[in-house]
């Protein structure tokens, strides 16, 4: 979902950020740009890849298995363990 479309639907930076998959600060920036007339017609935000994208299936598995209770620092440590195992020579 596009950022401005999500904001129009929710009228909330945080809720729009959750729908659009970005920070509420990013939503605020784009809304401010639109309100000040600084967006050329037809310009929409570009979605960029994130470093975490390659790990999302594993992270989602841990979140589902823990019913959303897994902490971020635990996930970070587990991902480090996974990377070390993957980098080990055979």
PDB file of N, CA and C in Angstrom:
ATOM      1  N   UNK A   1       0.844  -1.172   0.000  1.00  0.00           N
ATOM      2  CA  UNK A   1       0.000   0.000   0.000  1.00  0.00           C
ATOM      3  C   UNK A   1       0.890   1.235   0.000  1.00  0.00           C
ATOM      4  N   UNK A   2       0.489   2.237  -0.735  1.00  0.00           N
ATOM      5  CA  UNK A   2       1.259   3.471  -0.794  1.00  0.00           C
ATOM      6  C   UNK A   2       1.091   4.268   0.497  1.00  0.00           C
ATOM      7  N   UNK A   3       2.107   5.021   0.822  1.00  0.00           N
ATOM      8  CA  UNK A   3       2.138   5.767   2.077  1.00  0.00           C
ATOM      9  C   UNK A   3       0.981   6.771   2.156  1.00  0.00           C
ATOM     10  N   UNK A   4       0.825   7.581   1.139  1.00  0.00           N
ATOM     11  CA  UNK A   4      -0.227   8.608   1.188  1.00  0.00           C
ATOM     12  C   UNK A   4      -1.619   7.986   1.157  1.00  0.00           C
ATOM     13  N   UNK A   5      -1.756   6.878   0.451  1.00  0.00           N
ATOM     14  CA  UNK A   5      -3.032   6.166   0.427  1.00  0.00           C
ATOM     15  C   UNK A   5      -3.353   5.613   1.816  1.00  0.00           C
ATOM     16  N   UNK A   6      -2.351   5.060   2.483  1.00  0.00           N
ATOM     17  CA  UNK A   6      -2.542   4.527   3.832  1.00  0.00           C
ATOM     18  C   UNK A   6      -2.897   5.647   4.806  1.00  0.00           C
ATOM     19  N   UNK A   7      -2.252   6.809   4.661  1.00  0.00           N
ATOM     20  CA  UNK A   7      -2.558   7.929   5.548  1.00  0.00           C
ATOM     21  C   UNK A   7      -3.976   8.438   5.303  1.00  0.00           C
ATOM     22  N   UNK A   8      -4.392   8.491   4.044  1.00  0.00           N
ATOM     23  CA  UNK A   8      -5.753   8.935   3.737  1.00  0.00           C
ATOM     24  C   UNK A   8      -6.783   7.984   4.354  1.00  0.00           C
ATOM     25  N   UNK A   9      -6.449   6.714   4.399  1.00  0.00           N
ATOM     26  CA  UNK A   9      -7.355   5.718   4.951  1.00  0.00           C
ATOM     27  C   UNK A   9      -7.438   5.795   6.470  1.00  0.00           C
ATOM     28  N   UNK A  10      -6.305   6.029   7.132  1.00  0.00           N
ATOM     29  CA  UNK A  10      -6.261   5.950   8.599  1.00  0.00           C
ATOM     30  C   UNK A  10      -6.206   7.299   9.302  1.00  0.00           C
ATOM     31  N   UNK A  11      -5.673   8.321   8.619  1.00  0.00           N
ATOM     32  CA  UNK A  11      -5.463   9.648   9.204  1.00  0.00           C
ATOM     33  C   UNK A  11      -4.590   9.572  10.457  1.00  0.00           C
ATOM     34  N   UNK A  12      -3.651   8.625  10.447  1.00  0.00           N
ATOM     35  CA  UNK A  12      -2.730   8.442  11.567  1.00  0.00           C
ATOM     36  C   UNK A  12      -1.368   8.068  11.009  1.00  0.00           C
ATOM     37  N   UNK A  13      -0.317   8.758  11.464  1.00  0.00           N
ATOM     38  CA  UNK A  13       1.024   8.449  10.978  1.00  0.00           C
ATOM     39  C   UNK A  13       1.425   7.016  11.344  1.00  0.00           C
ATOM     40  N   UNK A  14       1.186   6.632  12.586  1.00  0.00           N
ATOM     41  CA  UNK A  14       1.606   5.303  13.025  1.00  0.00           C
ATOM     42  C   UNK A  14       0.833   4.197  12.319  1.00  0.00           C
ATOM     43  N   UNK A  15      -0.475   4.344  12.232  1.00  0.00           N
ATOM     44  CA  UNK A  15      -1.282   3.318  11.569  1.00  0.00           C
ATOM     45  C   UNK A  15      -0.939   3.241  10.081  1.00  0.00           C
ATOM     46  N   UNK A  16      -0.724   4.385   9.458  1.00  0.00           N
ATOM     47  CA  UNK A  16      -0.352   4.393   8.042  1.00  0.00           C
ATOM     48  C   UNK A  16       1.010   3.749   7.844  1.00  0.00           C
ATOM     49  N   UNK A  17       1.930   3.998   8.763  1.00  0.00           N
ATOM     50  CA  UNK A  17       3.249   3.377   8.686  1.00  0.00           C
ATOM     51  C   UNK A  17       3.168   1.864   8.772  1.00  0.00           C
ATOM     52  N   UNK A  18       2.301   1.360   9.645  1.00  0.00           N
ATOM     53  CA  UNK A  18       2.127  -0.085   9.757  1.00  0.00           C
ATOM     54  C   UNK A  18       1.547  -0.666   8.477  1.00  0.00           C
ATOM     55  N   UNK A  19       0.562   0.008   7.898  1.00  0.00           N
ATOM     56  CA  UNK A  19      -0.041  -0.475   6.658  1.00  0.00           C
ATOM     57  C   UNK A  19       0.926  -0.421   5.485  1.00  0.00           C
ATOM     58  N   UNK A  20       1.708   0.642   5.420  1.00  0.00           N
ATOM     59  CA  UNK A  20       2.618   0.829   4.289  1.00  0.00           C
ATOM     60  C   UNK A  20       3.964   0.140   4.502  1.00  0.00           C
ATOM     61  N   UNK A  21       4.224  -0.319   5.711  1.00  0.00           N
ATOM     62  CA  UNK A  21       5.479  -1.005   5.987  1.00  0.00           C
ATOM     63  C   UNK A  21       6.661  -0.065   6.107  1.00  0.00           C
ATOM     64  N   UNK A  22       6.432   1.080   6.741  1.00  0.00           N
ATOM     65  CA  UNK A  22       7.519   2.043   6.926  1.00  0.00           C
ATOM     66  C   UNK A  22       7.352   2.727   8.279  1.00  0.00           C
ATOM     67  N   UNK A  23       8.265   3.615   8.595  1.00  0.00           N
ATOM     68  CA  UNK A  23       8.237   4.348   9.856  1.00  0.00           C
ATOM     69  C   UNK A  23       7.159   5.433   9.823  1.00  0.00           C
ATOM     70  N   UNK A  24       6.617   5.761  10.995  1.00  0.00           N
ATOM     71  CA  UNK A  24       5.655   6.861  11.063  1.00  0.00           C
ATOM     72  C   UNK A  24       6.338   8.188  10.727  1.00  0.00           C
ATOM     73  N   UNK A  25       7.655   8.266  10.927  1.00  0.00           N
ATOM     74  CA  UNK A  25       8.391   9.474  10.545  1.00  0.00           C
ATOM     75  C   UNK A  25       8.394   9.649   9.022  1.00  0.00           C
ATOM     76  N   UNK A  26       8.501   8.531   8.298  1.00  0.00           N
ATOM     77  CA  UNK A  26       8.461   8.575   6.837  1.00  0.00           C
ATOM     78  C   UNK A  26       7.093   9.030   6.365  1.00  0.00           C
ATOM     79  N   UNK A  27       6.055   8.530   7.004  1.00  0.00           N
ATOM     80  CA  UNK A  27       4.695   8.958   6.648  1.00  0.00           C
ATOM     81  C   UNK A  27       4.560  10.454   6.866  1.00  0.00           C
ATOM     82  N   UNK A  28       5.028  10.936   8.008  1.00  0.00           N
ATOM     83  CA  UNK A  28       4.953  12.364   8.296  1.00  0.00           C
ATOM     84  C   UNK A  28       5.686  13.194   7.261  1.00  0.00           C
ATOM     85  N   UNK A  29       6.854  12.708   6.827  1.00  0.00           N
ATOM     86  CA  UNK A  29       7.639  13.424   5.815  1.00  0.00           C
ATOM     87  C   UNK A  29       6.856  13.538   4.505  1.00  0.00           C
ATOM     88  N   UNK A  30       6.284  12.432   4.050  1.00  0.00           N
ATOM     89  CA  UNK A  30       5.561  12.456   2.776  1.00  0.00           C
ATOM     90  C   UNK A  30       4.273  13.264   2.865  1.00  0.00           C
ATOM     91  N   UNK A  31       3.591  13.214   3.995  1.00  0.00           N
ATOM     92  CA  UNK A  31       2.381  14.027   4.169  1.00  0.00           C
ATOM     93  C   UNK A  31       2.741  15.507   4.163  1.00  0.00           C
ATOM     94  N   UNK A  32       3.830  15.862   4.854  1.00  0.00           N
ATOM     95  CA  UNK A  32       4.284  17.258   4.862  1.00  0.00           C
ATOM     96  C   UNK A  32       4.647  17.717   3.449  1.00  0.00           C
ATOM     97  N   UNK A  33       5.367  16.861   2.707  1.00  0.00           N
ATOM     98  CA  UNK A  33       5.745  17.203   1.328  1.00  0.00           C
ATOM     99  C   UNK A  33       4.486  17.417   0.470  1.00  0.00           C
ATOM    100  N   UNK A  34       3.501  16.529   0.635  1.00  0.00           N
ATOM    101  CA  UNK A  34       2.267  16.667  -0.138  1.00  0.00           C
ATOM    102  C   UNK A  34       1.529  17.941   0.234  1.00  0.00           C
ATOM    103  N   UNK A  35       1.423  18.213   1.542  1.00  0.00           N
ATOM    104  CA  UNK A  35       0.680  19.380   2.005  1.00  0.00           C
ATOM    105  C   UNK A  35       1.326  20.691   1.564  1.00  0.00           C
ATOM    106  N   UNK A  36       2.646  20.692   1.428  1.00  0.00           N
ATOM    107  CA  UNK A  36       3.343  21.899   0.992  1.00  0.00           C
ATOM    108  C   UNK A  36       3.464  21.981  -0.528  1.00  0.00           C
ATOM    109  N   UNK A  37       2.897  21.006  -1.232  1.00  0.00           N
ATOM    110  CA  UNK A  37       2.916  21.023  -2.685  1.00  0.00           C
ATOM    111  C   UNK A  37       4.274  20.732  -3.295  1.00  0.00           C
ATOM    112  N   UNK A  38       5.105  20.001  -2.591  1.00  0.00           N
ATOM    113  CA  UNK A  38       6.455  19.721  -3.061  1.00  0.00           C
ATOM    114  C   UNK A  38       6.570  18.405  -3.835  1.00  0.00           C
ATOM    115  N   UNK A  39       5.467  17.663  -3.967  1.00  0.00           N
ATOM    116  CA  UNK A  39       5.497  16.417  -4.722  1.00  0.00           C
ATOM    117  C   UNK A  39       5.055  16.676  -6.158  1.00  0.00           C
ATOM    118  N   UNK A  40       5.884  16.349  -7.132  1.00  0.00           N
ATOM    119  CA  UNK A  40       5.426  16.449  -8.516  1.00  0.00           C
ATOM    120  C   UNK A  40       4.298  15.449  -8.750  1.00  0.00           C
ATOM    121  N   UNK A  41       3.449  15.718  -9.704  1.00  0.00           N
ATOM    122  CA  UNK A  41       2.334  14.817 -10.001  1.00  0.00           C
ATOM    123  C   UNK A  41       2.860  13.437 -10.380  1.00  0.00           C
ATOM    124  N   UNK A  42       2.241  12.413  -9.852  1.00  0.00           N
ATOM    125  CA  UNK A  42       2.590  11.047 -10.184  1.00  0.00           C
ATOM    126  C   UNK A  42       3.783  10.483  -9.447  1.00  0.00           C
ATOM    127  N   UNK A  43       4.397  11.240  -8.541  1.00  0.00           N
ATOM    128  CA  UNK A  43       5.559  10.754  -7.803  1.00  0.00           C
ATOM    129  C   UNK A  43       5.082  10.001  -6.572  1.00  0.00           C
ATOM    130  N   UNK A  44       5.608   8.798  -6.413  1.00  0.00           N
ATOM    131  CA  UNK A  44       5.294   8.002  -5.233  1.00  0.00           C
ATOM    132  C   UNK A  44       6.602   7.532  -4.614  1.00  0.00           C
ATOM    133  N   UNK A  45       6.609   7.236  -3.327  1.00  0.00           N
ATOM    134  CA  UNK A  45       7.824   6.754  -2.677  1.00  0.00           C
ATOM    135  C   UNK A  45       8.289   5.430  -3.285  1.00  0.00           C
ATOM    136  N   UNK A  46       9.577   5.235  -3.332  1.00  0.00           N
ATOM    137  CA  UNK A  46      10.156   4.007  -3.861  1.00  0.00           C
ATOM    138  C   UNK A  46      10.490   3.084  -2.704  1.00  0.00           C
ATOM    139  N   UNK A  47      10.061   1.837  -2.801  1.00  0.00           N
ATOM    140  CA  UNK A  47      10.369   0.882  -1.747  1.00  0.00           C
ATOM    141  C   UNK A  47      11.764   0.322  -1.988  1.00  0.00           C
ATOM    142  N   UNK A  48      12.589   0.401  -0.964  1.00  0.00           N
ATOM    143  CA  UNK A  48      13.948  -0.112  -1.054  1.00  0.00           C
ATOM    144  C   UNK A  48      14.060  -1.409  -0.272  1.00  0.00           C
ATOM    145  N   UNK A  49      14.977  -2.248  -0.691  1.00  0.00           N
ATOM    146  CA  UNK A  49      15.230  -3.481   0.027  1.00  0.00           C
ATOM    147  C   UNK A  49      15.871  -3.194   1.376  1.00  0.00           C
ATOM    148  N   UNK A  50      15.654  -4.093   2.310  1.00  0.00           N
ATOM    149  CA  UNK A  50      16.217  -3.938   3.651  1.00  0.00           C
ATOM    150  C   UNK A  50      17.197  -5.080   3.902  1.00  0.00           C
ATOM    151  N   UNK A  51      18.158  -4.865   4.757  1.00  0.00           N
ATOM    152  CA  UNK A  51      19.125  -5.902   5.090  1.00  0.00           C
ATOM    153  C   UNK A  51      18.455  -7.138   5.680  1.00  0.00           C
ATOM    154  N   UNK A  52      17.334  -6.940   6.328  1.00  0.00           N
ATOM    155  CA  UNK A  52      16.654  -8.024   7.018  1.00  0.00           C
ATOM    156  C   UNK A  52      15.813  -8.891   6.074  1.00  0.00           C
ATOM    157  N   UNK A  53      15.591  -8.445   4.839  1.00  0.00           N
ATOM    158  CA  UNK A  53      14.703  -9.156   3.921  1.00  0.00           C
ATOM    159  C   UNK A  53      15.072 -10.627   3.744  1.00  0.00           C
ATOM    160  N   UNK A  54      16.341 -10.956   3.661  1.00  0.00           N
ATOM    161  CA  UNK A  54      16.756 -12.342   3.472  1.00  0.00           C
ATOM    162  C   UNK A  54      16.469 -13.233   4.668  1.00  0.00           C
ATOM    163  N   UNK A  55      16.258 -12.631   5.830  1.00  0.00           N
ATOM    164  CA  UNK A  55      16.025 -13.393   7.054  1.00  0.00           C
ATOM    165  C   UNK A  55      14.548 -13.436   7.461  1.00  0.00           C
ATOM    166  N   UNK A  56      13.691 -12.761   6.721  1.00  0.00           N
ATOM    167  CA  UNK A  56      12.295 -12.645   7.140  1.00  0.00           C
ATOM    168  C   UNK A  56      11.576 -13.984   7.315  1.00  0.00           C
ATOM    169  N   UNK A  57      11.764 -14.978   6.444  1.00  0.00           N
ATOM    170  CA  UNK A  57      11.059 -16.246   6.682  1.00  0.00           C
ATOM    171  C   UNK A  57      11.399 -16.859   8.042  1.00  0.00           C
ATOM    172  N   UNK A  58      12.671 -16.814   8.427  1.00  0.00           N
ATOM    173  CA  UNK A  58      13.082 -17.389   9.711  1.00  0.00           C
ATOM    174  C   UNK A  58      12.542 -16.549  10.871  1.00  0.00           C
ATOM    175  N   UNK A  59      12.605 -15.235  10.747  1.00  0.00           N
ATOM    176  CA  UNK A  59      12.094 -14.360  11.803  1.00  0.00           C
ATOM    177  C   UNK A  59      10.599 -14.576  11.988  1.00  0.00           C
ATOM    178  N   UNK A  60       9.865 -14.651  10.869  1.00  0.00           N
ATOM    179  CA  UNK A  60       8.421 -14.881  10.952  1.00  0.00           C
ATOM    180  C   UNK A  60       8.114 -16.220  11.619  1.00  0.00           C
ATOM    181  N   UNK A  61       8.924 -17.233  11.331  1.00  0.00           N
ATOM    182  CA  UNK A  61       8.737 -18.541  11.964  1.00  0.00           C
ATOM    183  C   UNK A  61       8.895 -18.415  13.479  1.00  0.00           C
ATOM    184  N   UNK A  62       9.947 -17.717  13.935  1.00  0.00           N
ATOM    185  CA  UNK A  62      10.181 -17.557  15.372  1.00  0.00           C
ATOM    186  C   UNK A  62       9.055 -16.760  16.029  1.00  0.00           C
ATOM    187  N   UNK A  63       8.566 -15.749  15.347  1.00  0.00           N
ATOM    188  CA  UNK A  63       7.476 -14.936  15.899  1.00  0.00           C
ATOM    189  C   UNK A  63       6.211 -15.778  16.026  1.00  0.00           C
ATOM    190  N   UNK A  64       5.906 -16.562  15.001  1.00  0.00           N
ATOM    191  CA  UNK A  64       4.711 -17.411  15.052  1.00  0.00           C
ATOM    192  C   UNK A  64       4.833 -18.476  16.138  1.00  0.00           C
ATOM    193  N   UNK A  65       5.996 -19.122  16.221  1.00  0.00           N
ATOM    194  CA  UNK A  65       6.185 -20.178  17.220  1.00  0.00           C
ATOM    195  C   UNK A  65       6.107 -19.636  18.635  1.00  0.00           C
ATOM    196  N   UNK A  66       6.492 -18.380  18.842  1.00  0.00           N
ATOM    197  CA  UNK A  66       6.468 -17.797  20.188  1.00  0.00           C
ATOM    198  C   UNK A  66       5.195 -16.994  20.453  1.00  0.00           C
ATOM    199  N   UNK A  67       4.263 -17.016  19.516  1.00  0.00           N
ATOM    200  CA  UNK A  67       3.029 -16.221  19.624  1.00  0.00           C
ATOM    201  C   UNK A  67       3.325 -14.742  19.816  1.00  0.00           C
ATOM    202  N   UNK A  68       4.344 -14.260  19.120  1.00  0.00           N
ATOM    203  CA  UNK A  68       4.695 -12.849  19.158  1.00  0.00           C
ATOM    204  C   UNK A  68       5.471 -12.417  20.386  1.00  0.00           C
ATOM    205  N   UNK A  69       5.965 -13.359  21.169  1.00  0.00           N
ATOM    206  CA  UNK A  69       6.644 -13.024  22.419  1.00  0.00           C
ATOM    207  C   UNK A  69       8.160 -12.984  22.304  1.00  0.00           C
ATOM    208  N   UNK A  70       8.720 -13.387  21.170  1.00  0.00           N
ATOM    209  CA  UNK A  70      10.165 -13.398  21.036  1.00  0.00           C
ATOM    210  C   UNK A  70      10.673 -11.961  21.033  1.00  0.00           C
ATOM    211  N   UNK A  71      11.767 -11.719  21.752  1.00  0.00           N
ATOM    212  CA  UNK A  71      12.324 -10.369  21.844  1.00  0.00           C
ATOM    213  C   UNK A  71      13.283 -10.116  20.691  1.00  0.00           C
ATOM    214  N   UNK A  72      13.435  -8.856  20.350  1.00  0.00           N
ATOM    215  CA  UNK A  72      14.311  -8.464  19.253  1.00  0.00           C
ATOM    216  C   UNK A  72      15.756  -8.848  19.483  1.00  0.00           C
ATOM    217  N   UNK A  73      16.240  -8.717  20.721  1.00  0.00           N
ATOM    218  CA  UNK A  73      17.635  -9.065  20.989  1.00  0.00           C
ATOM    219  C   UNK A  73      17.870 -10.563  20.863  1.00  0.00           C
ATOM    220  N   UNK A  74      16.865 -11.354  21.204  1.00  0.00           N
ATOM    221  CA  UNK A  74      16.976 -12.802  21.059  1.00  0.00           C
ATOM    222  C   UNK A  74      17.017 -13.176  19.582  1.00  0.00           C
ATOM    223  N   UNK A  75      16.164 -12.554  18.785  1.00  0.00           N
ATOM    224  CA  UNK A  75      16.159 -12.805  17.339  1.00  0.00           C
ATOM    225  C   UNK A  75      17.509 -12.416  16.748  1.00  0.00           C
ATOM    226  N   UNK A  76      18.042 -11.284  17.167  1.00  0.00           N
ATOM    227  CA  UNK A  76      19.337 -10.828  16.666  1.00  0.00           C
ATOM    228  C   UNK A  76      20.433 -11.854  16.981  1.00  0.00           C
ATOM    229  N   UNK A  77      20.448 -12.345  18.215  1.00  0.00           N
ATOM    230  CA  UNK A  77      21.444 -13.347  18.600  1.00  0.00           C
ATOM    231  C   UNK A  77      21.264 -14.634  17.807  1.00  0.00           C
ATOM    232  N   UNK A  78      20.015 -15.071  17.627  1.00  0.00           N
ATOM    233  CA  UNK A  78      19.757 -16.296  16.869  1.00  0.00           C
ATOM    234  C   UNK A  78      20.171 -16.134  15.408  1.00  0.00           C
ATOM    235  N   UNK A  79      19.934 -14.971  14.846  1.00  0.00           N
ATOM    236  CA  UNK A  79      20.346 -14.732  13.465  1.00  0.00           C
ATOM    237  C   UNK A  79      21.857 -14.776  13.354  1.00  0.00           C
ATOM    238  N   UNK A  80      22.561 -14.262  14.341  1.00  0.00           N
ATOM    239  CA  UNK A  80      24.013 -14.342  14.347  1.00  0.00           C
ATOM    240  C   UNK A  80      24.483 -15.783  14.364  1.00  0.00           C
ATOM    241  N   UNK A  81      23.806 -16.631  15.151  1.00  0.00           N
ATOM    242  CA  UNK A  81      24.145 -18.051  15.183  1.00  0.00           C
ATOM    243  C   UNK A  81      23.898 -18.690  13.817  1.00  0.00           C
ATOM    244  N   UNK A  82      22.801 -18.349  13.175  1.00  0.00           N
ATOM    245  CA  UNK A  82      22.483 -18.894  11.852  1.00  0.00           C
ATOM    246  C   UNK A  82      23.523 -18.475  10.826  1.00  0.00           C
ATOM    247  N   UNK A  83      23.959 -17.225  10.879  1.00  0.00           N
ATOM    248  CA  UNK A  83      24.947 -16.746   9.924  1.00  0.00           C
ATOM    249  C   UNK A  83      26.286 -17.432  10.135  1.00  0.00           C
ATOM    250  N   UNK A  84      26.664 -17.648  11.392  1.00  0.00           N
ATOM    251  CA  UNK A  84      27.947 -18.310  11.660  1.00  0.00           C
ATOM    252  C   UNK A  84      27.938 -19.744  11.154  1.00  0.00           C
ATOM    253  N   UNK A  85      26.806 -20.436  11.307  1.00  0.00           N
ATOM    254  CA  UNK A  85      26.682 -21.817  10.824  1.00  0.00           C
ATOM    255  C   UNK A  85      26.751 -21.826   9.302  1.00  0.00           C
ATOM    256  N   UNK A  86      26.079 -20.871   8.649  1.00  0.00           N
ATOM    257  CA  UNK A  86      26.065 -20.820   7.191  1.00  0.00           C
ATOM    258  C   UNK A  86      27.444 -20.478   6.620  1.00  0.00           C
ATOM    259  N   UNK A  87      28.239 -19.709   7.351  1.00  0.00           N
ATOM    260  CA  UNK A  87      29.547 -19.273   6.858  1.00  0.00           C
ATOM    261  C   UNK A  87      30.640 -20.293   7.145  1.00  0.00           C
ATOM    262  N   UNK A  88      30.356 -21.291   7.975  1.00  0.00           N
ATOM    263  CA  UNK A  88      31.371 -22.268   8.344  1.00  0.00           C
ATOM    264  C   UNK A  88      31.726 -23.132   7.121  1.00  0.00           C
ATOM    265  N   UNK A  89      33.003 -23.329   6.848  1.00  0.00           N
ATOM    266  CA  UNK A  89      33.387 -24.173   5.707  1.00  0.00           C
ATOM    267  C   UNK A  89      33.029 -25.632   5.941  1.00  0.00           C
ATOM    268  N   UNK A  90      32.725 -26.299   4.881  1.00  0.00           N
ATOM    269  CA  UNK A  90      32.306 -27.720   4.977  1.00  0.00           C
ATOM    270  C   UNK A  90      33.509 -28.628   4.968  1.00  0.00           C
TER     271      UNK A  90
END
